[in-house]
Amino acid sequence: MLDRFNREIYYLRISITDRCNLRCYYCMPEQGVKLLRHDQILSYEQIINIVKKATKLGIKKIRFTGGEPLVRKGISYLVKEIKRIDEIDELTLTTNGVLLEDMAFELKNAGLDRINISLDTLDHEKYKKMTRIGDIRRVFRGIDAVIKAGFKGTKLNMVLMPEINDDEVEDMKEFCVKKGLVLQRINHYSLNSLTSINRLYEAERPLPCSFCNRIRLTANGNFKPCLFSDLEIPVDFNNISESIKKAVINKPANGTHCFKRQNWQIGG
């Protein structure tokens, strides 16, 4: 599919839950968040149906996000069913890694192609402070499990923040080389403004708007054409294809801001 600015849109990021087992301070407010009810979240059957329609329009890559996608029960079933769709070239998932120790082999056997693991520091105490409740040892064990399960091209997502973890980039590079991972540096930003993206560092993400190839699907069933936009297109289950087309055609040339949702509701 081509949008109005001749960008090919072939990538759909799906937030399968707004729940998370961490409370990272740059992602979630300290006072907590109001979660969706279970009956407000798309069922796996609805997600599978949406993906089937999307692939007929040119979507080839799917990524599951959250919140934290691994906290949703039965995700291996969803992986297996999506992998059965012939048009899918790549099925990936972004996770904080906390649950990977127990789930890596199950996800590999279900057909998941690749995993991105969010890890912003290698320091135990700093990690606990950044996540408010996390134990970095669980992430390290999860990384080892991913390697043992045979996943290739695993990326480690590192959000770069001045005077917090920007002094760890070289250590993170060495860690990734040692483990056979790919370091993906992400400049910190707020969804409230595209201009908030911190350009102080050399980083792989976020991509410039002119390179954008994706649309997003929120956990409660709205297509989001642009991360930095409040525009959302509710899925019409009587005409899913038309909803997808509407999301693509309404994708702006450049994002500006998003006040409707925060990172934990979209998955980046």
Protein backbone atom coordinates (compact mmCIF):
# COMPACT_ATOMS: atom_id res chain seq x y z
CA MET A 1 0.00 0.00 0.00
CA LEU A 2 1.17 3.51 -0.76
CA ASP A 3 0.11 6.47 1.33
CA ARG A 4 -0.47 9.98 -0.06
CA PHE A 5 3.25 10.71 0.14
CA ASN A 6 4.30 7.62 -1.82
CA ARG A 7 5.60 5.75 1.22
CA GLU A 8 5.05 2.00 1.06
CA ILE A 9 3.16 0.87 4.17
CA TYR A 10 3.82 -2.81 4.81
CA TYR A 11 4.39 -2.95 8.58
CA LEU A 12 1.68 -3.30 11.24
CA ARG A 13 2.54 -2.95 14.93
CA ILE A 14 -0.12 -4.49 17.17
CA SER A 15 -0.46 -3.64 20.85
CA ILE A 16 -2.06 -6.76 22.30
CA THR A 17 -2.36 -5.42 25.85
CA ASP A 18 -1.94 -2.21 27.82
CA ARG A 19 -0.68 -4.12 30.87
CA CYS A 20 2.97 -4.28 31.90
CA ASN A 21 4.96 -5.99 34.64
CA LEU A 22 7.37 -3.04 34.97
CA ARG A 23 6.80 0.64 35.74
CA CYS A 24 9.61 2.39 33.82
CA TYR A 25 9.63 6.03 34.88
CA TYR A 26 9.97 7.42 31.33
CA CYS A 27 7.03 5.32 30.16
CA MET A 28 4.49 5.17 33.00
CA PRO A 29 3.52 7.80 35.59
CA GLU A 30 4.47 7.00 39.19
CA GLN A 31 0.88 7.26 40.41
CA GLY A 32 -0.14 4.37 38.16
CA VAL A 33 -2.41 4.13 35.15
CA LYS A 34 -6.01 3.33 34.39
CA LEU A 35 -6.10 0.00 32.57
CA LEU A 36 -8.58 -1.18 29.99
CA ARG A 37 -11.13 -3.79 31.03
CA HIS A 38 -10.56 -7.22 29.51
CA ASP A 39 -13.75 -6.87 27.45
CA GLN A 40 -12.36 -3.68 25.88
CA ILE A 41 -9.28 -5.41 24.49
CA LEU A 42 -9.29 -7.07 21.07
CA SER A 43 -9.64 -10.83 21.20
CA TYR A 44 -7.05 -13.00 19.49
CA GLU A 45 -9.66 -14.01 16.92
CA GLN A 46 -10.29 -10.34 16.10
CA ILE A 47 -6.56 -9.69 15.76
CA ILE A 48 -6.13 -12.70 13.46
CA ASN A 49 -9.03 -11.51 11.30
CA ILE A 50 -7.56 -8.01 11.07
CA VAL A 51 -4.14 -9.35 10.07
CA LYS A 52 -5.66 -11.56 7.38
CA LYS A 53 -7.38 -8.54 5.85
CA ALA A 54 -4.25 -6.41 6.23
CA THR A 55 -2.05 -8.89 4.36
CA LYS A 56 -4.40 -8.78 1.38
CA LEU A 57 -3.67 -5.05 1.20
CA GLY A 58 0.10 -5.39 1.37
CA ILE A 59 1.04 -5.76 5.04
CA LYS A 60 3.99 -8.17 5.24
CA LYS A 61 5.52 -7.55 8.66
CA ILE A 62 3.81 -7.82 12.04
CA ARG A 63 5.20 -6.84 15.45
CA PHE A 64 3.46 -7.53 18.75
CA THR A 65 3.91 -4.88 21.43
CA GLY A 66 2.15 -3.83 24.61
CA GLY A 67 2.36 -2.71 27.37
CA GLU A 68 4.29 -5.93 27.76
CA PRO A 69 2.94 -8.52 25.28
CA LEU A 70 4.16 -11.56 27.21
CA VAL A 71 1.85 -10.85 30.16
CA ARG A 72 -1.15 -11.72 28.00
CA LYS A 73 -2.04 -15.37 28.34
CA GLY A 74 -1.97 -17.59 25.28
CA ILE A 75 0.29 -15.42 23.16
CA SER A 76 1.94 -18.50 21.64
CA TYR A 77 -1.43 -19.41 20.15
CA LEU A 78 -1.62 -15.99 18.52
CA VAL A 79 1.93 -16.34 17.17
CA LYS A 80 1.13 -19.75 15.70
CA GLU A 81 -2.06 -18.56 14.01
CA ILE A 82 -0.47 -15.43 12.53
CA LYS A 83 2.44 -17.49 11.17
CA ARG A 84 -0.05 -19.60 9.25
CA ILE A 85 -0.92 -16.58 7.10
CA ASP A 86 1.09 -17.05 3.91
CA GLU A 87 1.66 -13.38 3.14
CA ILE A 88 3.53 -12.65 6.40
CA ASP A 89 7.27 -12.32 5.76
CA GLU A 90 8.27 -11.58 9.35
CA LEU A 91 6.57 -11.87 12.74
CA THR A 92 8.39 -10.16 15.59
CA LEU A 93 7.82 -9.10 19.17
CA THR A 94 9.15 -6.40 21.50
CA THR A 95 9.44 -7.34 25.17
CA ASN A 96 11.11 -6.14 28.33
CA GLY A 97 12.54 -9.64 28.64
CA VAL A 98 11.36 -10.38 32.16
CA LEU A 99 9.31 -13.43 31.14
CA LEU A 100 11.56 -14.75 28.37
CA GLU A 101 13.37 -17.25 30.54
CA ASP A 102 10.23 -19.39 30.64
CA MET A 103 8.76 -18.46 27.26
CA ALA A 104 11.60 -18.25 24.71
CA PHE A 105 11.44 -21.89 23.56
CA GLU A 106 7.64 -21.82 23.45
CA LEU A 107 7.66 -18.70 21.26
CA LYS A 108 10.32 -20.16 18.97
CA ASN A 109 8.34 -23.37 18.55
CA ALA A 110 5.19 -21.36 17.81
CA GLY A 111 6.97 -19.71 14.88
CA LEU A 112 8.08 -16.29 16.12
CA ASP A 113 10.82 -15.02 13.83
CA ARG A 114 12.63 -12.44 15.92
CA ILE A 115 12.63 -10.63 19.26
CA ASN A 116 13.55 -7.11 20.39
CA ILE A 117 14.43 -6.81 24.07
CA SER A 118 14.21 -3.45 25.83
CA LEU A 119 17.16 -2.91 28.16
CA ASP A 120 18.48 0.58 28.93
CA THR A 121 21.25 -0.25 31.40
CA LEU A 122 23.47 -3.12 32.53
CA ASP A 123 23.65 -1.83 36.09
CA HIS A 124 21.49 -3.73 38.59
CA GLU A 125 20.67 -0.80 40.85
CA LYS A 126 20.09 1.64 38.01
CA TYR A 127 17.76 -0.85 36.34
CA LYS A 128 15.73 -1.24 39.52
CA LYS A 129 15.48 2.53 39.85
CA MET A 130 14.52 3.03 36.19
CA THR A 131 11.88 0.29 36.18
CA ARG A 132 10.80 0.99 39.79
CA ILE A 133 10.28 -2.75 40.46
CA GLY A 134 12.48 -4.74 38.06
CA ASP A 135 15.19 -7.35 38.66
CA ILE A 136 17.75 -7.19 35.84
CA ARG A 137 18.87 -10.76 36.52
CA ARG A 138 15.58 -12.00 35.04
CA VAL A 139 16.31 -10.09 31.84
CA PHE A 140 19.83 -11.52 31.60
CA ARG A 141 18.42 -15.04 32.02
CA GLY A 142 15.80 -14.23 29.39
CA ILE A 143 18.49 -13.13 26.94
CA ASP A 144 20.36 -16.39 27.48
CA ALA A 145 17.14 -18.33 26.91
CA VAL A 146 16.54 -16.51 23.61
CA ILE A 147 20.04 -17.44 22.48
CA LYS A 148 19.58 -21.09 23.50
CA ALA A 149 16.21 -21.23 21.74
CA GLY A 150 17.94 -20.35 18.48
CA PHE A 151 16.56 -16.89 17.73
CA LYS A 152 18.69 -14.93 15.26
CA GLY A 153 19.03 -11.18 14.80
CA THR A 154 17.81 -10.41 18.31
CA LYS A 155 17.91 -6.68 18.95
CA LEU A 156 18.53 -4.97 22.24
CA ASN A 157 16.63 -1.67 22.42
CA MET A 158 18.42 0.99 24.47
CA VAL A 159 16.69 4.32 25.09
CA LEU A 160 19.40 6.97 25.44
CA MET A 161 18.91 9.50 28.23
CA PRO A 162 21.36 12.29 29.14
CA GLU A 163 23.20 11.85 32.44
CA ILE A 164 21.32 8.62 33.13
CA ASN A 165 22.66 5.95 30.80
CA ASP A 166 24.50 7.75 28.00
CA ASP A 167 27.79 6.70 29.57
CA GLU A 168 26.94 3.02 29.05
CA VAL A 169 26.77 2.86 25.26
CA GLU A 170 30.22 1.32 24.81
CA ASP A 171 29.55 -1.24 27.54
CA MET A 172 26.25 -2.09 25.89
CA LYS A 173 27.99 -2.53 22.53
CA GLU A 174 30.48 -4.95 24.11
CA PHE A 175 27.65 -6.84 25.82
CA CYS A 176 25.80 -7.22 22.51
CA VAL A 177 28.93 -8.41 20.69
CA LYS A 178 29.55 -10.97 23.41
CA LYS A 179 25.97 -12.23 23.28
CA GLY A 180 25.52 -12.04 19.50
CA LEU A 181 22.85 -9.34 19.75
CA VAL A 182 22.25 -6.22 17.66
CA LEU A 183 22.24 -2.95 19.61
CA GLN A 184 19.45 -0.59 18.56
CA ARG A 185 19.86 2.85 20.12
CA ILE A 186 16.72 4.92 20.55
CA ASN A 187 16.74 8.65 21.19
CA HIS A 188 14.44 9.49 24.09
CA TYR A 189 11.25 11.37 23.23
CA SER A 190 7.84 12.38 24.53
CA LEU A 191 4.77 11.66 22.44
CA ASN A 192 3.57 15.15 23.35
CA SER A 193 5.86 16.64 20.73
CA LEU A 194 7.85 15.36 17.75
CA THR A 195 10.42 18.05 18.50
CA SER A 196 11.09 16.42 21.88
CA ILE A 197 13.23 13.73 20.21
CA ASN A 198 16.67 14.07 21.74
CA ARG A 199 19.09 14.27 18.80
CA LEU A 200 22.22 14.48 20.98
CA TYR A 201 23.30 10.95 20.16
CA GLU A 202 23.87 8.76 17.15
CA ALA A 203 20.88 6.43 17.15
CA GLU A 204 18.93 4.08 14.90
CA ARG A 205 15.46 5.13 16.09
CA PRO A 206 13.12 6.94 15.75
CA LEU A 207 13.26 6.99 11.96
CA PRO A 208 12.61 10.23 10.07
CA CYS A 209 8.94 10.60 9.09
CA SER A 210 9.85 10.33 5.41
CA PHE A 211 11.04 6.74 6.03
CA CYS A 212 7.97 5.62 7.97
CA ASN A 213 6.51 2.33 6.69
CA ARG A 214 4.00 1.47 9.41
CA ILE A 215 0.62 1.87 10.98
CA ARG A 216 -0.36 0.77 14.48
CA LEU A 217 -3.28 -1.07 16.02
CA THR A 218 -4.12 -0.27 19.64
CA ALA A 219 -5.17 -2.91 22.15
CA ASN A 220 -8.74 -1.61 22.14
CA GLY A 221 -9.12 -1.69 18.37
CA ASN A 222 -8.09 1.61 16.80
CA PHE A 223 -5.75 2.05 13.89
CA LYS A 224 -3.19 4.75 14.59
CA PRO A 225 -1.66 6.09 11.36
CA CYS A 226 1.11 8.03 13.12
CA LEU A 227 2.79 7.72 16.50
CA PHE A 228 2.93 11.50 16.93
CA SER A 229 -0.72 12.14 16.12
CA ASP A 230 -4.01 11.94 17.98
CA LEU A 231 -5.76 10.63 14.89
CA GLU A 232 -7.24 7.16 15.37
CA ILE A 233 -9.46 5.09 13.09
CA PRO A 234 -11.74 2.62 14.92
CA VAL A 235 -11.78 -0.82 13.34
CA ASP A 236 -15.06 -1.40 11.55
CA PHE A 237 -15.47 -5.17 11.77
CA ASN A 238 -18.09 -5.02 9.03
CA ASN A 239 -15.41 -3.62 6.70
CA ILE A 240 -11.94 -4.10 8.13
CA SER A 241 -10.23 -3.47 4.81
CA GLU A 242 -11.81 -0.04 4.51
CA SER A 243 -10.62 0.83 8.03
CA ILE A 244 -7.06 -0.10 7.07
CA LYS A 245 -7.22 1.93 3.86
CA LYS A 246 -8.55 4.91 5.80
CA ALA A 247 -5.64 4.68 8.24
CA VAL A 248 -3.10 4.60 5.43
CA ILE A 249 -4.64 7.41 3.39
CA ASN A 250 -4.86 9.62 6.49
CA LYS A 251 -1.25 9.08 7.49
CA PRO A 252 0.31 12.56 7.76
CA ALA A 253 3.54 13.56 6.06
CA ASN A 254 5.00 14.43 9.45
CA GLY A 255 3.90 13.79 13.00
CA THR A 256 3.41 16.64 15.44
CA HIS A 257 2.11 15.47 18.82
CA CYS A 258 0.01 12.87 20.60
CA PHE A 259 -1.86 13.67 23.79
CA LYS A 260 -4.48 10.89 23.61
CA ARG A 261 -2.15 8.07 24.53
CA GLN A 262 1.19 7.45 26.20
CA ASN A 263 4.00 5.04 25.28
CA TRP A 264 2.73 2.22 27.51
CA GLN A 265 -0.56 2.22 25.55
CA ILE A 266 1.04 2.01 22.12
CA GLY A 267 4.30 0.10 22.44
CA GLY A 268 6.42 2.69 20.65
